[in-house]
N, C-alpha and C. Protein backbone atom coordinates (compact mmCIF):
# COMPACT_ATOMS: atom_id res chain seq x y z
N MET A 1 193.74 65.81 -18.92
CA MET A 1 192.36 66.10 -19.29
C MET A 1 191.38 65.33 -18.41
N ILE A 2 191.62 64.04 -18.25
CA ILE A 2 190.71 63.22 -17.46
C ILE A 2 190.80 63.60 -15.98
N LEU A 3 192.01 63.81 -15.48
CA LEU A 3 192.20 64.19 -14.09
C LEU A 3 191.57 65.56 -13.81
N SER A 4 191.71 66.47 -14.75
CA SER A 4 191.11 67.80 -14.61
C SER A 4 189.59 67.71 -14.52
N THR A 5 188.99 66.91 -15.37
CA THR A 5 187.55 66.72 -15.36
C THR A 5 187.10 66.06 -14.06
N PHE A 6 187.88 65.09 -13.58
CA PHE A 6 187.55 64.42 -12.33
C PHE A 6 187.57 65.40 -11.15
N VAL A 7 188.59 66.26 -11.09
CA VAL A 7 188.69 67.23 -10.00
C VAL A 7 187.56 68.25 -10.09
N GLN A 8 187.19 68.67 -11.30
CA GLN A 8 186.06 69.59 -11.46
C GLN A 8 184.76 68.95 -10.98
N ALA A 9 184.57 67.69 -11.34
CA ALA A 9 183.36 66.98 -10.91
C ALA A 9 183.34 66.84 -9.39
N LEU A 10 184.48 66.54 -8.81
CA LEU A 10 184.58 66.44 -7.36
C LEU A 10 184.25 67.77 -6.69
N ALA A 11 184.77 68.85 -7.24
CA ALA A 11 184.49 70.19 -6.69
C ALA A 11 183.00 70.51 -6.80
N GLN A 12 182.40 70.18 -7.92
CA GLN A 12 180.97 70.47 -8.11
C GLN A 12 180.10 69.66 -7.15
N ILE A 13 180.45 68.40 -6.96
CA ILE A 13 179.69 67.56 -6.02
C ILE A 13 179.86 68.06 -4.59
N LEU A 14 181.08 68.46 -4.23
CA LEU A 14 181.32 69.01 -2.90
C LEU A 14 180.50 70.28 -2.69
N HIS A 15 180.46 71.14 -3.69
CA HIS A 15 179.65 72.36 -3.61
C HIS A 15 178.17 72.02 -3.40
N MET A 16 177.68 71.03 -4.13
CA MET A 16 176.28 70.63 -4.02
C MET A 16 175.98 70.06 -2.63
N VAL A 17 176.86 69.22 -2.11
CA VAL A 17 176.65 68.62 -0.79
C VAL A 17 176.65 69.70 0.30
N ILE A 18 177.59 70.65 0.21
CA ILE A 18 177.64 71.74 1.18
C ILE A 18 176.36 72.58 1.11
N SER A 19 175.90 72.88 -0.09
CA SER A 19 174.68 73.68 -0.26
C SER A 19 173.46 72.97 0.32
N ILE A 20 173.34 71.68 0.07
CA ILE A 20 172.22 70.91 0.60
C ILE A 20 172.27 70.88 2.13
N TYR A 21 173.46 70.69 2.69
CA TYR A 21 173.59 70.63 4.14
C TYR A 21 173.28 71.98 4.78
N ILE A 22 173.64 73.06 4.11
CA ILE A 22 173.27 74.39 4.61
C ILE A 22 171.76 74.51 4.70
N TRP A 23 171.04 74.04 3.69
CA TRP A 23 169.58 74.09 3.72
C TRP A 23 169.01 73.20 4.81
N VAL A 24 169.64 72.05 5.05
CA VAL A 24 169.20 71.17 6.13
C VAL A 24 169.34 71.89 7.47
N VAL A 25 170.46 72.58 7.68
CA VAL A 25 170.68 73.33 8.93
C VAL A 25 169.64 74.44 9.07
N ILE A 26 169.36 75.15 8.00
CA ILE A 26 168.36 76.23 8.05
C ILE A 26 166.98 75.67 8.39
N ILE A 27 166.59 74.60 7.73
CA ILE A 27 165.28 74.00 7.98
C ILE A 27 165.19 73.48 9.41
N ALA A 28 166.25 72.83 9.89
CA ALA A 28 166.25 72.31 11.26
C ALA A 28 166.15 73.45 12.27
N ALA A 29 166.82 74.55 12.01
CA ALA A 29 166.74 75.70 12.93
C ALA A 29 165.34 76.29 12.94
N LEU A 30 164.72 76.41 11.77
CA LEU A 30 163.36 76.94 11.70
C LEU A 30 162.36 76.01 12.37
N VAL A 31 162.51 74.72 12.16
CA VAL A 31 161.60 73.75 12.76
C VAL A 31 161.74 73.76 14.29
N SER A 32 162.95 73.98 14.79
CA SER A 32 163.14 73.96 16.24
C SER A 32 162.41 75.10 16.95
N TRP A 33 162.04 76.13 16.23
CA TRP A 33 161.34 77.27 16.83
C TRP A 33 159.88 76.96 17.14
N VAL A 34 159.29 75.95 16.50
CA VAL A 34 157.86 75.70 16.63
C VAL A 34 157.52 74.49 17.49
N ARG A 35 158.48 73.96 18.23
CA ARG A 35 158.28 72.79 19.09
C ARG A 35 157.65 71.63 18.30
N PRO A 36 158.42 71.03 17.42
CA PRO A 36 157.86 69.95 16.59
C PRO A 36 157.66 68.66 17.39
N ASP A 37 156.86 67.78 16.82
CA ASP A 37 156.65 66.46 17.41
C ASP A 37 157.96 65.66 17.30
N PRO A 38 158.55 65.26 18.42
CA PRO A 38 159.85 64.57 18.35
C PRO A 38 159.77 63.19 17.70
N TYR A 39 158.58 62.65 17.54
CA TYR A 39 158.43 61.34 16.91
C TYR A 39 158.22 61.42 15.41
N ASN A 40 158.11 62.63 14.88
CA ASN A 40 157.97 62.81 13.44
C ASN A 40 159.27 62.38 12.76
N PRO A 41 159.18 61.52 11.72
CA PRO A 41 160.40 61.02 11.08
C PRO A 41 161.25 62.14 10.44
N ILE A 42 160.61 63.17 9.95
CA ILE A 42 161.36 64.28 9.35
C ILE A 42 162.14 65.02 10.43
N VAL A 43 161.51 65.26 11.56
CA VAL A 43 162.17 65.94 12.68
C VAL A 43 163.33 65.07 13.19
N GLN A 44 163.13 63.78 13.29
CA GLN A 44 164.20 62.88 13.73
C GLN A 44 165.37 62.88 12.76
N THR A 45 165.07 62.89 11.47
CA THR A 45 166.14 62.92 10.46
C THR A 45 166.92 64.23 10.54
N LEU A 46 166.22 65.34 10.65
CA LEU A 46 166.90 66.63 10.78
C LEU A 46 167.78 66.65 12.02
N TYR A 47 167.27 66.11 13.12
CA TYR A 47 168.03 66.07 14.37
C TYR A 47 169.30 65.21 14.20
N ARG A 48 169.15 64.05 13.57
CA ARG A 48 170.31 63.16 13.37
C ARG A 48 171.35 63.76 12.44
N LEU A 49 170.91 64.57 11.50
CA LEU A 49 171.85 65.18 10.55
C LEU A 49 172.58 66.39 11.13
N THR A 50 171.96 67.08 12.08
CA THR A 50 172.55 68.32 12.56
C THR A 50 173.13 68.23 13.97
N GLU A 51 172.53 67.48 14.84
CA GLU A 51 172.94 67.49 16.25
C GLU A 51 174.38 67.03 16.49
N PRO A 52 174.90 66.02 15.79
CA PRO A 52 176.31 65.66 16.03
C PRO A 52 177.27 66.80 15.70
N VAL A 53 176.99 67.55 14.66
CA VAL A 53 177.86 68.67 14.30
C VAL A 53 177.70 69.81 15.30
N TYR A 54 176.47 70.07 15.72
CA TYR A 54 176.24 71.09 16.76
C TYR A 54 177.00 70.73 18.04
N ALA A 55 176.95 69.45 18.43
CA ALA A 55 177.64 69.01 19.65
C ALA A 55 179.15 69.23 19.52
N TRP A 56 179.70 68.96 18.35
CA TRP A 56 181.14 69.17 18.12
C TRP A 56 181.48 70.66 18.24
N ILE A 57 180.63 71.52 17.67
CA ILE A 57 180.86 72.97 17.75
C ILE A 57 180.75 73.44 19.20
N ARG A 58 179.74 72.95 19.91
CA ARG A 58 179.50 73.37 21.29
C ARG A 58 180.64 72.93 22.22
N ARG A 59 181.35 71.88 21.85
CA ARG A 59 182.46 71.41 22.67
C ARG A 59 183.60 72.44 22.67
N TYR A 60 183.76 73.19 21.58
CA TYR A 60 184.87 74.13 21.45
C TYR A 60 184.48 75.59 21.59
N ILE A 61 183.23 75.91 21.31
CA ILE A 61 182.79 77.31 21.32
C ILE A 61 181.51 77.41 22.15
N PRO A 62 181.44 78.35 23.09
CA PRO A 62 180.15 78.56 23.77
C PRO A 62 179.16 79.19 22.79
N THR A 63 178.08 78.50 22.52
CA THR A 63 177.18 78.94 21.46
C THR A 63 175.90 79.61 21.94
N VAL A 64 175.59 79.50 23.23
CA VAL A 64 174.35 80.09 23.73
C VAL A 64 174.64 81.51 24.21
N VAL A 65 174.00 82.47 23.55
CA VAL A 65 174.16 83.88 23.90
C VAL A 65 172.76 84.45 24.11
N GLY A 66 172.47 84.89 25.31
CA GLY A 66 171.16 85.47 25.61
C GLY A 66 170.02 84.50 25.40
N GLY A 67 170.26 83.22 25.63
CA GLY A 67 169.22 82.21 25.47
C GLY A 67 169.03 81.74 24.04
N ILE A 68 169.83 82.24 23.13
CA ILE A 68 169.73 81.84 21.72
C ILE A 68 170.96 81.01 21.37
N ASP A 69 170.72 79.84 20.78
CA ASP A 69 171.82 78.96 20.39
C ASP A 69 172.33 79.40 19.01
N LEU A 70 173.59 79.77 18.95
CA LEU A 70 174.18 80.24 17.70
C LEU A 70 174.92 79.14 16.93
N ALA A 71 174.81 77.89 17.38
CA ALA A 71 175.50 76.78 16.71
C ALA A 71 175.11 76.68 15.22
N PRO A 72 173.81 76.81 14.85
CA PRO A 72 173.49 76.75 13.43
C PRO A 72 174.16 77.87 12.61
N LEU A 73 174.21 79.06 13.17
CA LEU A 73 174.83 80.18 12.47
C LEU A 73 176.34 79.95 12.31
N ILE A 74 176.98 79.47 13.36
CA ILE A 74 178.41 79.19 13.28
C ILE A 74 178.68 78.10 12.25
N LEU A 75 177.82 77.08 12.23
CA LEU A 75 177.97 76.00 11.26
C LEU A 75 177.79 76.51 9.83
N ILE A 76 176.80 77.34 9.60
CA ILE A 76 176.57 77.87 8.25
C ILE A 76 177.74 78.73 7.80
N ILE A 77 178.29 79.54 8.70
CA ILE A 77 179.46 80.36 8.34
C ILE A 77 180.64 79.46 8.00
N GLY A 78 180.85 78.41 8.79
CA GLY A 78 181.93 77.48 8.50
C GLY A 78 181.75 76.76 7.17
N LEU A 79 180.52 76.36 6.88
CA LEU A 79 180.24 75.69 5.60
C LEU A 79 180.42 76.64 4.43
N GLN A 80 180.01 77.89 4.60
CA GLN A 80 180.21 78.88 3.54
C GLN A 80 181.70 79.10 3.28
N PHE A 81 182.50 79.14 4.36
CA PHE A 81 183.94 79.29 4.20
C PHE A 81 184.51 78.11 3.43
N LEU A 82 184.11 76.89 3.81
CA LEU A 82 184.58 75.71 3.07
C LEU A 82 184.18 75.77 1.61
N ASP A 83 182.96 76.19 1.37
CA ASP A 83 182.47 76.27 -0.01
C ASP A 83 183.29 77.28 -0.81
N LEU A 84 183.49 78.44 -0.24
CA LEU A 84 184.22 79.48 -0.96
C LEU A 84 185.71 79.16 -1.11
N PHE A 85 186.31 78.57 -0.09
CA PHE A 85 187.74 78.31 -0.12
C PHE A 85 188.08 77.00 -0.81
N LEU A 86 187.55 75.89 -0.28
CA LEU A 86 187.95 74.58 -0.77
C LEU A 86 187.45 74.30 -2.19
N VAL A 87 186.21 74.63 -2.45
CA VAL A 87 185.67 74.37 -3.79
C VAL A 87 186.39 75.23 -4.83
N LYS A 88 186.64 76.49 -4.51
CA LYS A 88 187.38 77.34 -5.44
C LYS A 88 188.80 76.82 -5.65
N LEU A 89 189.42 76.34 -4.58
CA LEU A 89 190.75 75.76 -4.68
C LEU A 89 190.75 74.54 -5.60
N LEU A 90 189.74 73.69 -5.48
CA LEU A 90 189.64 72.52 -6.35
C LEU A 90 189.42 72.92 -7.81
N PHE A 91 188.59 73.94 -8.05
CA PHE A 91 188.38 74.38 -9.43
C PHE A 91 189.68 74.96 -10.01
N GLU A 92 190.44 75.70 -9.22
CA GLU A 92 191.70 76.23 -9.70
C GLU A 92 192.71 75.13 -9.95
N LEU A 93 192.71 74.10 -9.10
CA LEU A 93 193.58 72.94 -9.32
C LEU A 93 193.22 72.25 -10.62
N ALA A 94 191.93 72.10 -10.87
CA ALA A 94 191.48 71.45 -12.11
C ALA A 94 191.89 72.28 -13.33
N ALA A 95 191.83 73.60 -13.20
CA ALA A 95 192.21 74.45 -14.34
C ALA A 95 193.71 74.37 -14.62
N SER A 96 194.50 74.12 -13.59
CA SER A 96 195.95 74.07 -13.79
C SER A 96 196.43 72.73 -14.30
N LEU A 97 195.57 71.71 -14.24
CA LEU A 97 195.99 70.37 -14.70
C LEU A 97 195.97 70.25 -16.21
């Protein structure tokens, strides 16, 4: 009972973190279209949260197509897959305990 509740809580927190990060990626992509002030603390935070993951994706997949960087889209698809697969797997594990 306790282990099942712990795994459910872990799955719910993971779902929440993935959802928040998806919104961070969306906001960072939208902000990048308007040439923001690079010294703005919000812009710097968004850059620090997203750029390391974009760099990792760009190392393995060519992301620029027709002058458009698809790294945010690839990241969102990957996060959605994790959310649908891993979180559901954790909830099913919790139900079986």
